[in-house]
Amino acid sequence: MIATAFWLEAPGRGALRSEAIPDPAAGEVRVRTLYTGISRGTESLVFRGEVPAGERERMRAPFQRGDFPAPVAYGYLNVGVVEQGPLELEGRTVFTLFPHQSAFVVPASAVAVVPVGVPARRAVLAGAVETAVNILWDAAPLVGDRITVIGAGMIGAAVARLAGGIPGADIAVVDVDRAKRQVCDSLGVAYFHPGDAPQDRDLVIDTSGSAAGLQLAIETAATEGEIIEASWFGDRPVELRLGGDFHSRRLTIRSSQVGAVAPRRRASRSTGDRLALAMQLLQDDAFDHLLTGTSPWRDLPAVMADIAAGALPGLCHTIDWSESA
């Protein structure tokens, strides 16, 4: 069987390739892709060739082919239908951490069944919601906390929606783009421009991917407040002002990364458990507001270039593979 796959041929240049895929062996499944999602922040860094040399092994996606900086097939938000495999999976819609490709074969253990009630296109957000779950496990918010999320991208919006379910929590989302107010309204959380960001926050979660966002987190955290840095900056240097009252207010900055289950839950939850939880949480229709654009698979090289260049704004952009590739 011949499939179509997206490859980064060189930093800044992507292309579609034809690839032969084998028949599935015992314990494997063949999946026909319906949608893939573009993880805007990470995939833009990959597309621009900005993965630091020292992080290239840790940054590998589960089914990545090739090596950074290029040529490489990279991605991890894939929803499709099992066409061949164990009887209990045949015909089921599944999520897989697989790159942008029209069909593929993986171990049956690598797919997660999409629950009834979660549309296939929404299911590409499983990776984002799983990341948001891990961030909140790292952050450990309490009832009634004043929580700010800086950056209303796909991850920040997912964090804000989940945090909004904490009883008594006051959720504020801060973003430089005033157009994000509409998304925040749809998610039931308050939007603020950085100049109006609320002060004295118990917990500040930065997903902005910018030094300015992390600096704002420091400035708006309450005394002895916690800052969770959930952005990934690639090989870009980050300059912060840690003078003034940073030390006297005894602020804490901690990183969060989805590659491993948060330490607070690592003894009791596996990555599979975490993904299954994300799938259940996606039954919330509000997550549809994070899907802000879609394109046919033939346009993927141009779409990825536009997203990496900042010319195609939005949250999660999906690629439609339903037309035969």
C-alpha atoms as a PDB file:
ATOM      1  CA  MET A   1       0.000   0.000   0.000  1.00  0.00           C
ATOM      2  CA  ILE A   2       1.251   3.490  -0.878  1.00  0.00           C
ATOM      3  CA  ALA A   3       0.711   6.359   1.576  1.00  0.00           C
ATOM      4  CA  THR A   4       1.381  10.096   1.390  1.00  0.00           C
ATOM      5  CA  ALA A   5       3.607  11.571   4.106  1.00  0.00           C
ATOM      6  CA  PHE A   6       4.781  15.077   4.966  1.00  0.00           C
ATOM      7  CA  TRP A   7       8.542  15.510   5.389  1.00  0.00           C
ATOM      8  CA  LEU A   8      10.620  18.500   6.367  1.00  0.00           C
ATOM      9  CA  GLU A   9      13.218  18.304   3.590  1.00  0.00           C
ATOM     10  CA  ALA A  10      15.347  21.148   4.968  1.00  0.00           C
ATOM     11  CA  PRO A  11      14.698  23.897   7.531  1.00  0.00           C
ATOM     12  CA  GLY A  12      11.960  26.074   6.050  1.00  0.00           C
ATOM     13  CA  ARG A  13      11.004  23.652   3.263  1.00  0.00           C
ATOM     14  CA  GLY A  14       8.498  20.807   3.468  1.00  0.00           C
ATOM     15  CA  ALA A  15       7.257  18.358   0.839  1.00  0.00           C
ATOM     16  CA  LEU A  16       4.902  15.422   0.363  1.00  0.00           C
ATOM     17  CA  ARG A  17       6.422  12.005  -0.288  1.00  0.00           C
ATOM     18  CA  SER A  18       4.941   8.658  -1.359  1.00  0.00           C
ATOM     19  CA  GLU A  19       5.833   5.814   0.972  1.00  0.00           C
ATOM     20  CA  ALA A  20       5.112   2.091   0.906  1.00  0.00           C
ATOM     21  CA  ILE A  21       3.604   0.725   4.113  1.00  0.00           C
ATOM     22  CA  PRO A  22       3.543  -2.982   5.007  1.00  0.00           C
ATOM     23  CA  ASP A  23       0.592  -5.153   5.870  1.00  0.00           C
ATOM     24  CA  PRO A  24       0.073  -5.261   9.643  1.00  0.00           C
ATOM     25  CA  ALA A  25       1.569  -8.215  11.468  1.00  0.00           C
ATOM     26  CA  ALA A  26      -0.001  -9.890  14.497  1.00  0.00           C
ATOM     27  CA  GLY A  27      -0.565  -7.300  17.215  1.00  0.00           C
ATOM     28  CA  GLU A  28      -0.428  -4.378  14.754  1.00  0.00           C
ATOM     29  CA  VAL A  29      -3.051  -2.128  13.151  1.00  0.00           C
ATOM     30  CA  ARG A  30      -3.275  -0.294   9.865  1.00  0.00           C
ATOM     31  CA  VAL A  31      -4.846   3.134  10.287  1.00  0.00           C
ATOM     32  CA  ARG A  32      -6.323   5.352   7.583  1.00  0.00           C
ATOM     33  CA  THR A  33      -5.921   8.972   8.671  1.00  0.00           C
ATOM     34  CA  LEU A  34      -8.924  11.288   8.864  1.00  0.00           C
ATOM     35  CA  TYR A  35      -7.317  14.393  10.413  1.00  0.00           C
ATOM     36  CA  THR A  36      -3.972  15.510  11.706  1.00  0.00           C
ATOM     37  CA  GLY A  37      -3.402  18.570  13.847  1.00  0.00           C
ATOM     38  CA  ILE A  38      -0.487  20.976  13.752  1.00  0.00           C
ATOM     39  CA  SER A  39       1.087  21.628  17.141  1.00  0.00           C
ATOM     40  CA  ARG A  40       1.726  25.263  16.299  1.00  0.00           C
ATOM     41  CA  GLY A  41       4.560  26.069  18.728  1.00  0.00           C
ATOM     42  CA  THR A  42       6.653  22.892  18.599  1.00  0.00           C
ATOM     43  CA  GLU A  43       6.157  22.129  14.918  1.00  0.00           C
ATOM     44  CA  SER A  44       7.052  25.706  13.981  1.00  0.00           C
ATOM     45  CA  LEU A  45      10.350  25.346  15.856  1.00  0.00           C
ATOM     46  CA  VAL A  46      10.986  22.061  14.083  1.00  0.00           C
ATOM     47  CA  PHE A  47      10.072  23.546  10.690  1.00  0.00           C
ATOM     48  CA  ARG A  48      12.472  26.454  11.185  1.00  0.00           C
ATOM     49  CA  GLY A  49      15.273  24.086  12.271  1.00  0.00           C
ATOM     50  CA  GLU A  50      15.438  25.500  15.810  1.00  0.00           C
ATOM     51  CA  VAL A  51      15.671  22.278  17.836  1.00  0.00           C
ATOM     52  CA  PRO A  52      18.862  22.639  19.930  1.00  0.00           C
ATOM     53  CA  ALA A  53      21.523  20.026  19.209  1.00  0.00           C
ATOM     54  CA  GLY A  54      21.512  18.931  22.855  1.00  0.00           C
ATOM     55  CA  GLU A  55      17.736  18.298  22.824  1.00  0.00           C
ATOM     56  CA  ARG A  56      17.412  16.416  19.552  1.00  0.00           C
ATOM     57  CA  GLU A  57      17.098  12.978  21.123  1.00  0.00           C
ATOM     58  CA  ARG A  58      14.707  14.097  23.873  1.00  0.00           C
ATOM     59  CA  MET A  59      12.575  15.948  21.300  1.00  0.00           C
ATOM     60  CA  ARG A  60      11.982  12.920  19.087  1.00  0.00           C
ATOM     61  CA  ALA A  61       8.305  12.175  18.487  1.00  0.00           C
ATOM     62  CA  PRO A  62       7.219   8.568  19.137  1.00  0.00           C
ATOM     63  CA  PHE A  63       6.998   7.626  15.428  1.00  0.00           C
ATOM     64  CA  GLN A  64       9.376  10.192  13.987  1.00  0.00           C
ATOM     65  CA  ARG A  65      11.444   9.173  10.970  1.00  0.00           C
ATOM     66  CA  GLY A  66      14.691  10.883  10.195  1.00  0.00           C
ATOM     67  CA  ASP A  67      16.689  13.164  12.456  1.00  0.00           C
ATOM     68  CA  PHE A  68      16.737  16.838  13.347  1.00  0.00           C
ATOM     69  CA  PRO A  69      17.215  19.271  11.805  1.00  0.00           C
ATOM     70  CA  ALA A  70      16.188  17.514   8.521  1.00  0.00           C
ATOM     71  CA  PRO A  71      15.081  15.541   6.632  1.00  0.00           C
ATOM     72  CA  VAL A  72      12.522  14.464   9.191  1.00  0.00           C
ATOM     73  CA  ALA A  73       8.864  13.351   9.389  1.00  0.00           C
ATOM     74  CA  TYR A  74       7.560  14.905  12.589  1.00  0.00           C
ATOM     75  CA  GLY A  75       4.154  15.261  14.248  1.00  0.00           C
ATOM     76  CA  TYR A  76       2.010  13.666  16.913  1.00  0.00           C
ATOM     77  CA  LEU A  77      -1.670  14.611  16.515  1.00  0.00           C
ATOM     78  CA  ASN A  78      -3.278  11.987  14.288  1.00  0.00           C
ATOM     79  CA  VAL A  79      -6.861  10.687  14.224  1.00  0.00           C
ATOM     80  CA  GLY A  80      -7.922   7.910  11.903  1.00  0.00           C
ATOM     81  CA  VAL A  81      -9.888   4.694  11.450  1.00  0.00           C
ATOM     82  CA  VAL A  82      -8.453   1.206  11.993  1.00  0.00           C
ATOM     83  CA  GLU A  83      -8.814  -0.619   8.685  1.00  0.00           C
ATOM     84  CA  GLN A  84      -7.027  -3.818   9.647  1.00  0.00           C
ATOM     85  CA  GLY A  85      -5.999  -5.302  12.973  1.00  0.00           C
ATOM     86  CA  PRO A  86      -7.497  -6.987  16.043  1.00  0.00           C
ATOM     87  CA  LEU A  87     -11.260  -7.425  15.705  1.00  0.00           C
ATOM     88  CA  GLU A  88     -11.995  -5.246  18.723  1.00  0.00           C
ATOM     89  CA  LEU A  89     -10.271  -2.312  16.986  1.00  0.00           C
ATOM     90  CA  GLU A  90     -11.337  -2.711  13.358  1.00  0.00           C
ATOM     91  CA  GLY A  91     -13.578   0.166  12.315  1.00  0.00           C
ATOM     92  CA  ARG A  92     -12.843   2.164  15.465  1.00  0.00           C
ATOM     93  CA  THR A  93     -11.739   5.788  15.382  1.00  0.00           C
ATOM     94  CA  VAL A  94      -8.390   6.124  17.149  1.00  0.00           C
ATOM     95  CA  PHE A  95      -5.855   8.747  18.181  1.00  0.00           C
ATOM     96  CA  THR A  96      -2.169   8.036  17.565  1.00  0.00           C
ATOM     97  CA  LEU A  97       1.008  10.011  18.208  1.00  0.00           C
ATOM     98  CA  PHE A  98       1.899   9.676  14.529  1.00  0.00           C
ATOM     99  CA  PRO A  99       3.176  12.295  12.038  1.00  0.00           C
ATOM    100  CA  HIS A 100       1.223  13.738   9.108  1.00  0.00           C
ATOM    101  CA  GLN A 101       0.596  10.725   6.857  1.00  0.00           C
ATOM    102  CA  SER A 102      -2.423   9.309   5.022  1.00  0.00           C
ATOM    103  CA  ALA A 103      -2.070   5.736   6.353  1.00  0.00           C
ATOM    104  CA  PHE A 104       0.354   3.838   8.582  1.00  0.00           C
ATOM    105  CA  VAL A 105       0.989   0.663  10.567  1.00  0.00           C
ATOM    106  CA  VAL A 106       1.768   0.726  14.307  1.00  0.00           C
ATOM    107  CA  PRO A 107       1.460  -1.651  17.272  1.00  0.00           C
ATOM    108  CA  ALA A 108      -2.120  -1.945  18.455  1.00  0.00           C
ATOM    109  CA  SER A 109      -0.959  -0.728  21.868  1.00  0.00           C
ATOM    110  CA  ALA A 110      -0.010   2.637  20.307  1.00  0.00           C
ATOM    111  CA  VAL A 111      -3.581   3.678  19.438  1.00  0.00           C
ATOM    112  CA  ALA A 112      -6.176   5.112  21.813  1.00  0.00           C
ATOM    113  CA  VAL A 113      -9.845   4.630  21.004  1.00  0.00           C
ATOM    114  CA  VAL A 114     -11.744   7.892  20.644  1.00  0.00           C
ATOM    115  CA  PRO A 115     -14.825   7.823  22.916  1.00  0.00           C
ATOM    116  CA  VAL A 116     -18.304   7.921  21.450  1.00  0.00           C
ATOM    117  CA  GLY A 117     -19.407  11.532  21.453  1.00  0.00           C
ATOM    118  CA  VAL A 118     -16.006  12.984  20.538  1.00  0.00           C
ATOM    119  CA  PRO A 119     -15.944  13.998  16.841  1.00  0.00           C
ATOM    120  CA  ALA A 120     -12.884  12.869  14.904  1.00  0.00           C
ATOM    121  CA  ARG A 121     -11.657  16.407  14.181  1.00  0.00           C
ATOM    122  CA  ARG A 122     -11.945  17.438  17.848  1.00  0.00           C
ATOM    123  CA  ALA A 123     -10.011  14.334  18.842  1.00  0.00           C
ATOM    124  CA  VAL A 124      -6.793  15.776  17.347  1.00  0.00           C
ATOM    125  CA  LEU A 125      -6.770  17.980  20.466  1.00  0.00           C
ATOM    126  CA  ALA A 126      -6.047  14.923  22.625  1.00  0.00           C
ATOM    127  CA  GLY A 127      -2.351  15.798  22.696  1.00  0.00           C
ATOM    128  CA  ALA A 128      -3.088  19.381  23.762  1.00  0.00           C
ATOM    129  CA  VAL A 129      -5.525  18.342  26.480  1.00  0.00           C
ATOM    130  CA  GLU A 130      -3.111  15.655  27.698  1.00  0.00           C
ATOM    131  CA  THR A 131      -0.435  18.360  27.971  1.00  0.00           C
ATOM    132  CA  ALA A 132      -2.867  20.591  29.863  1.00  0.00           C
ATOM    133  CA  VAL A 133      -3.627  17.739  32.280  1.00  0.00           C
ATOM    134  CA  ASN A 134       0.078  17.281  32.951  1.00  0.00           C
ATOM    135  CA  ILE A 135       0.584  21.027  33.480  1.00  0.00           C
ATOM    136  CA  LEU A 136      -2.207  21.090  36.055  1.00  0.00           C
ATOM    137  CA  TRP A 137      -0.809  17.994  37.769  1.00  0.00           C
ATOM    138  CA  ASP A 138       2.500  19.872  38.008  1.00  0.00           C
ATOM    139  CA  ALA A 139       0.806  23.080  39.159  1.00  0.00           C
ATOM    140  CA  ALA A 140      -1.521  21.406  41.711  1.00  0.00           C
ATOM    141  CA  PRO A 141      -4.021  24.302  41.973  1.00  0.00           C
ATOM    142  CA  LEU A 142      -6.239  24.532  45.049  1.00  0.00           C
ATOM    143  CA  VAL A 143      -9.917  25.349  45.522  1.00  0.00           C
ATOM    144  CA  GLY A 144     -10.432  29.089  45.280  1.00  0.00           C
ATOM    145  CA  ASP A 145      -7.005  29.843  43.755  1.00  0.00           C
ATOM    146  CA  ARG A 146      -6.456  32.966  41.678  1.00  0.00           C
ATOM    147  CA  ILE A 147      -4.941  31.496  38.507  1.00  0.00           C
ATOM    148  CA  THR A 148      -3.544  33.292  35.489  1.00  0.00           C
ATOM    149  CA  VAL A 149      -2.722  31.574  32.209  1.00  0.00           C
ATOM    150  CA  ILE A 150      -0.422  33.652  30.008  1.00  0.00           C
ATOM    151  CA  GLY A 151      -0.800  32.845  26.332  1.00  0.00           C
ATOM    152  CA  ALA A 152      -4.149  31.899  24.790  1.00  0.00           C
ATOM    153  CA  GLY A 153      -2.770  29.410  22.280  1.00  0.00           C
ATOM    154  CA  MET A 154      -3.931  25.811  21.979  1.00  0.00           C
ATOM    155  CA  ILE A 155      -2.221  24.694  25.202  1.00  0.00           C
ATOM    156  CA  GLY A 156      -3.027  27.796  27.235  1.00  0.00           C
ATOM    157  CA  ALA A 157      -6.673  27.694  26.208  1.00  0.00           C
ATOM    158  CA  ALA A 158      -6.925  24.007  27.153  1.00  0.00           C
ATOM    159  CA  VAL A 159      -5.323  24.696  30.554  1.00  0.00           C
ATOM    160  CA  ALA A 160      -7.733  27.572  31.198  1.00  0.00           C
ATOM    161  CA  ARG A 161     -10.797  25.493  30.293  1.00  0.00           C
ATOM    162  CA  LEU A 162      -9.781  22.632  32.602  1.00  0.00           C
ATOM    163  CA  ALA A 163      -8.771  24.969  35.447  1.00  0.00           C
ATOM    164  CA  GLY A 164     -12.145  26.663  35.156  1.00  0.00           C
ATOM    165  CA  GLY A 165     -13.729  23.532  36.613  1.00  0.00           C
ATOM    166  CA  ILE A 166     -11.953  23.980  39.975  1.00  0.00           C
ATOM    167  CA  PRO A 167     -14.520  25.192  42.549  1.00  0.00           C
ATOM    168  CA  GLY A 168     -14.117  28.850  43.410  1.00  0.00           C
ATOM    169  CA  ALA A 169     -11.142  29.341  41.107  1.00  0.00           C
ATOM    170  CA  ASP A 170     -10.677  32.749  39.505  1.00  0.00           C
ATOM    171  CA  ILE A 171      -9.249  32.163  36.021  1.00  0.00           C
ATOM    172  CA  ALA A 172      -7.651  34.945  33.977  1.00  0.00           C
ATOM    173  CA  VAL A 173      -6.139  34.482  30.518  1.00  0.00           C
ATOM    174  CA  VAL A 174      -3.627  37.060  29.279  1.00  0.00           C
ATOM    175  CA  ASP A 175      -2.661  37.439  25.625  1.00  0.00           C
ATOM    176  CA  VAL A 176      -1.272  40.246  23.460  1.00  0.00           C
ATOM    177  CA  ASP A 177      -3.814  39.440  20.727  1.00  0.00           C
ATOM    178  CA  ARG A 178      -7.123  41.122  21.609  1.00  0.00           C
ATOM    179  CA  ALA A 179      -8.884  38.825  19.126  1.00  0.00           C
ATOM    180  CA  LYS A 180      -8.323  36.005  21.644  1.00  0.00           C
ATOM    181  CA  ARG A 181     -11.089  37.549  23.781  1.00  0.00           C
ATOM    182  CA  GLN A 182     -13.649  35.755  21.618  1.00  0.00           C
ATOM    183  CA  VAL A 183     -12.055  32.356  22.259  1.00  0.00           C
ATOM    184  CA  CYS A 184     -11.836  33.070  25.992  1.00  0.00           C
ATOM    185  CA  ASP A 185     -15.501  34.085  26.090  1.00  0.00           C
ATOM    186  CA  SER A 186     -16.401  30.807  24.369  1.00  0.00           C
ATOM    187  CA  LEU A 187     -14.410  28.885  26.980  1.00  0.00           C
ATOM    188  CA  GLY A 188     -16.016  30.735  29.885  1.00  0.00           C
ATOM    189  CA  VAL A 189     -12.810  32.410  31.122  1.00  0.00           C
ATOM    190  CA  ALA A 190     -11.873  36.079  31.428  1.00  0.00           C
ATOM    191  CA  TYR A 191      -9.536  37.681  28.896  1.00  0.00           C
ATOM    192  CA  PHE A 192      -7.006  40.413  29.742  1.00  0.00           C
ATOM    193  CA  HIS A 193      -4.502  42.327  27.660  1.00  0.00           C
ATOM    194  CA  PRO A 194      -1.007  42.305  29.267  1.00  0.00           C
ATOM    195  CA  GLY A 195      -1.341  45.943  30.328  1.00  0.00           C
ATOM    196  CA  ASP A 196      -4.449  45.055  32.341  1.00  0.00           C
ATOM    197  CA  ALA A 197      -3.277  41.708  33.745  1.00  0.00           C
ATOM    198  CA  PRO A 198      -4.541  41.094  37.298  1.00  0.00           C
ATOM    199  CA  GLN A 199      -2.003  41.144  40.127  1.00  0.00           C
ATOM    200  CA  ASP A 200      -1.301  38.988  43.200  1.00  0.00           C
ATOM    201  CA  ARG A 201      -2.091  35.647  41.570  1.00  0.00           C
ATOM    202  CA  ASP A 202      -1.586  32.447  43.566  1.00  0.00           C
ATOM    203  CA  LEU A 203      -0.545  30.526  40.465  1.00  0.00           C
ATOM    204  CA  VAL A 204       0.647  31.778  37.078  1.00  0.00           C
ATOM    205  CA  ILE A 205       1.058  29.356  34.166  1.00  0.00           C
ATOM    206  CA  ASP A 206       3.060  30.645  31.226  1.00  0.00           C
ATOM    207  CA  THR A 207       2.344  29.076  27.831  1.00  0.00           C
ATOM    208  CA  SER A 208       3.204  32.152  25.768  1.00  0.00           C
ATOM    209  CA  GLY A 209       6.560  30.976  24.444  1.00  0.00           C
ATOM    210  CA  SER A 210       7.944  34.476  25.006  1.00  0.00           C
ATOM    211  CA  ALA A 211      10.329  36.100  27.471  1.00  0.00           C
ATOM    212  CA  ALA A 212       7.776  38.898  27.908  1.00  0.00           C
ATOM    213  CA  GLY A 213       5.165  36.352  28.981  1.00  0.00           C
ATOM    214  CA  LEU A 214       7.441  34.799  31.595  1.00  0.00           C
ATOM    215  CA  GLN A 215       8.434  38.260  32.851  1.00  0.00           C
ATOM    216  CA  LEU A 216       4.754  39.172  33.218  1.00  0.00           C
ATOM    217  CA  ALA A 217       4.226  35.964  35.182  1.00  0.00           C
ATOM    218  CA  ILE A 218       6.937  37.045  37.632  1.00  0.00           C
ATOM    219  CA  GLU A 219       5.448  40.509  37.959  1.00  0.00           C
ATOM    220  CA  THR A 220       1.859  39.363  38.549  1.00  0.00           C
ATOM    221  CA  ALA A 221       2.459  36.438  40.931  1.00  0.00           C
ATOM    222  CA  ALA A 222       1.530  36.920  44.568  1.00  0.00           C
ATOM    223  CA  THR A 223       4.173  36.838  47.294  1.00  0.00           C
ATOM    224  CA  GLU A 224       5.364  33.217  47.593  1.00  0.00           C
ATOM    225  CA  GLY A 225       3.326  32.457  44.470  1.00  0.00           C
ATOM    226  CA  GLU A 226       4.242  29.766  41.954  1.00  0.00           C
ATOM    227  CA  ILE A 227       5.000  30.176  38.269  1.00  0.00           C
ATOM    228  CA  ILE A 228       4.755  27.158  35.986  1.00  0.00           C
ATOM    229  CA  GLU A 229       6.747  27.568  32.777  1.00  0.00           C
ATOM    230  CA  ALA A 230       5.061  25.366  30.179  1.00  0.00           C
ATOM    231  CA  SER A 231       6.565  26.984  27.068  1.00  0.00           C
ATOM    232  CA  TRP A 232       9.425  25.516  25.103  1.00  0.00           C
ATOM    233  CA  PHE A 233      11.843  28.058  23.666  1.00  0.00           C
ATOM    234  CA  GLY A 234      13.958  25.806  21.443  1.00  0.00           C
ATOM    235  CA  ASP A 235      17.384  27.374  20.961  1.00  0.00           C
ATOM    236  CA  ARG A 236      16.233  30.941  21.663  1.00  0.00           C
ATOM    237  CA  PRO A 237      17.827  32.733  24.661  1.00  0.00           C
ATOM    238  CA  VAL A 238      15.437  34.134  27.282  1.00  0.00           C
ATOM    239  CA  GLU A 239      16.307  37.304  29.173  1.00  0.00           C
ATOM    240  CA  LEU A 240      14.553  38.011  32.512  1.00  0.00           C
ATOM    241  CA  ARG A 241      14.731  40.721  35.157  1.00  0.00           C
ATOM    242  CA  LEU A 242      15.271  38.890  38.432  1.00  0.00           C
ATOM    243  CA  GLY A 243      16.221  41.929  40.485  1.00  0.00           C
ATOM    244  CA  GLY A 244      13.746  44.102  42.365  1.00  0.00           C
ATOM    245  CA  ASP A 245      11.465  42.102  44.636  1.00  0.00           C
ATOM    246  CA  PHE A 246      11.831  38.703  42.938  1.00  0.00           C
ATOM    247  CA  HIS A 247      13.808  37.289  45.887  1.00  0.00           C
ATOM    248  CA  SER A 248      12.061  39.177  48.679  1.00  0.00           C
ATOM    249  CA  ARG A 249       8.704  37.837  47.466  1.00  0.00           C
ATOM    250  CA  ARG A 250      10.173  34.319  47.411  1.00  0.00           C
ATOM    251  CA  LEU A 251       8.742  33.390  44.018  1.00  0.00           C
ATOM    252  CA  THR A 252       9.094  29.892  42.581  1.00  0.00           C
ATOM    253  CA  ILE A 253       9.508  29.094  38.875  1.00  0.00           C
ATOM    254  CA  ARG A 254       9.069  25.443  37.872  1.00  0.00           C
ATOM    255  CA  SER A 255       9.042  23.826  34.441  1.00  0.00           C
ATOM    256  CA  SER A 256       6.383  21.477  33.116  1.00  0.00           C
ATOM    257  CA  GLN A 257       6.924  19.099  30.203  1.00  0.00           C
ATOM    258  CA  VAL A 258       4.631  16.428  28.802  1.00  0.00           C
ATOM    259  CA  GLY A 259       7.384  13.883  28.013  1.00  0.00           C
ATOM    260  CA  ALA A 260       6.885  12.244  31.427  1.00  0.00           C
ATOM    261  CA  VAL A 261       3.932  12.065  33.801  1.00  0.00           C
ATOM    262  CA  ALA A 262       4.123  14.827  36.409  1.00  0.00           C
ATOM    263  CA  PRO A 263       5.994  13.676  39.561  1.00  0.00           C
ATOM    264  CA  ARG A 264       2.885  14.084  41.736  1.00  0.00           C
ATOM    265  CA  ARG A 265       1.094  11.383  39.698  1.00  0.00           C
ATOM    266  CA  ARG A 266       3.964   9.311  38.305  1.00  0.00           C
ATOM    267  CA  ALA A 267       3.594   6.531  40.870  1.00  0.00           C
ATOM    268  CA  SER A 268      -0.098   6.034  40.163  1.00  0.00           C
ATOM    269  CA  ARG A 269      -0.720   7.054  36.535  1.00  0.00           C
ATOM    270  CA  SER A 270       0.866   5.944  33.273  1.00  0.00           C
ATOM    271  CA  THR A 271       1.065   7.973  30.089  1.00  0.00           C
ATOM    272  CA  GLY A 272      -1.757   5.750  28.805  1.00  0.00           C
ATOM    273  CA  ASP A 273      -3.897   6.687  31.805  1.00  0.00           C
ATOM    274  CA  ARG A 274      -3.169  10.352  31.169  1.00  0.00           C
ATOM    275  CA  LEU A 275      -4.165  10.112  27.503  1.00  0.00           C
ATOM    276  CA  ALA A 276      -7.342   8.196  28.370  1.00  0.00           C
ATOM    277  CA  LEU A 277      -8.288  10.988  30.789  1.00  0.00           C
ATOM    278  CA  ALA A 278      -7.680  13.586  28.079  1.00  0.00           C
ATOM    279  CA  MET A 279      -9.959  11.639  25.743  1.00  0.00           C
ATOM    280  CA  GLN A 280     -12.772  11.667  28.292  1.00  0.00           C
ATOM    281  CA  LEU A 281     -12.339  15.390  28.910  1.00  0.00           C
ATOM    282  CA  LEU A 282     -12.706  16.032  25.169  1.00  0.00           C
ATOM    283  CA  GLN A 283     -16.403  15.206  25.442  1.00  0.00           C
ATOM    284  CA  ASP A 284     -16.709  18.888  26.398  1.00  0.00           C
ATOM    285  CA  ASP A 285     -18.089  20.644  23.279  1.00  0.00           C
ATOM    286  CA  ALA A 286     -16.300  23.867  24.263  1.00  0.00           C
ATOM    287  CA  PHE A 287     -13.041  22.431  22.914  1.00  0.00           C
ATOM    288  CA  ASP A 288     -14.390  22.908  19.379  1.00  0.00           C
ATOM    289  CA  HIS A 289     -13.529  26.587  19.807  1.00  0.00           C
ATOM    290  CA  LEU A 290      -9.829  25.648  19.747  1.00  0.00           C
ATOM    291  CA  LEU A 291     -10.204  24.364  16.160  1.00  0.00           C
ATOM    292  CA  THR A 292      -9.674  27.546  14.178  1.00  0.00           C
ATOM    293  CA  GLY A 293      -8.773  26.406  10.667  1.00  0.00           C
ATOM    294  CA  THR A 294      -8.532  23.427   8.347  1.00  0.00           C
ATOM    295  CA  SER A 295      -6.839  22.683   5.024  1.00  0.00           C
ATOM    296  CA  PRO A 296      -6.692  19.721   2.613  1.00  0.00           C
ATOM    297  CA  TRP A 297      -3.613  17.512   2.834  1.00  0.00           C
ATOM    298  CA  ARG A 298      -2.282  18.718  -0.534  1.00  0.00           C
ATOM    299  CA  ASP A 299      -1.765  22.202   0.992  1.00  0.00           C
ATOM    300  CA  LEU A 300       0.209  20.945   3.995  1.00  0.00           C
ATOM    301  CA  PRO A 301       3.700  22.138   2.880  1.00  0.00           C
ATOM    302  CA  ALA A 302       2.425  25.686   2.300  1.00  0.00           C
ATOM    303  CA  VAL A 303       0.288  25.683   5.449  1.00  0.00           C
ATOM    304  CA  MET A 304       3.197  24.572   7.635  1.00  0.00           C
ATOM    305  CA  ALA A 305       5.415  27.286   6.150  1.00  0.00           C
ATOM    306  CA  ASP A 306       2.759  29.959   6.787  1.00  0.00           C
ATOM    307  CA  ILE A 307       2.226  28.846  10.391  1.00  0.00           C
ATOM    308  CA  ALA A 308       5.973  28.772  11.095  1.00  0.00           C
ATOM    309  CA  ALA A 309       6.305  32.279   9.639  1.00  0.00           C
ATOM    310  CA  GLY A 310       3.387  33.625  11.689  1.00  0.00           C
ATOM    311  CA  ALA A 311       1.344  34.364   8.547  1.00  0.00           C
ATOM    312  CA  LEU A 312      -1.509  32.010   9.466  1.00  0.00           C
ATOM    313  CA  PRO A 313      -2.785  32.844  12.966  1.00  0.00           C
ATOM    314  CA  GLY A 314      -5.152  30.780  15.054  1.00  0.00           C
ATOM    315  CA  LEU A 315      -5.072  27.956  17.573  1.00  0.00           C
ATOM    316  CA  CYS A 316      -5.231  24.370  16.278  1.00  0.00           C
ATOM    317  CA  HIS A 317      -5.092  24.086  12.492  1.00  0.00           C
ATOM    318  CA  THR A 318      -6.202  20.695  11.203  1.00  0.00           C
ATOM    319  CA  ILE A 319      -5.304  18.868   8.000  1.00  0.00           C
ATOM    320  CA  ASP A 320      -8.132  16.958   6.302  1.00  0.00           C
ATOM    321  CA  TRP A 321      -7.035  13.595   4.878  1.00  0.00           C
ATOM    322  CA  SER A 322     -10.550  12.334   4.087  1.00  0.00           C
ATOM    323  CA  GLU A 323     -10.004  12.745   0.325  1.00  0.00           C
ATOM    324  CA  SER A 324      -7.938   9.808  -0.938  1.00  0.00           C
ATOM    325  CA  ALA A 325      -4.224  10.536  -0.672  1.00  0.00           C
END
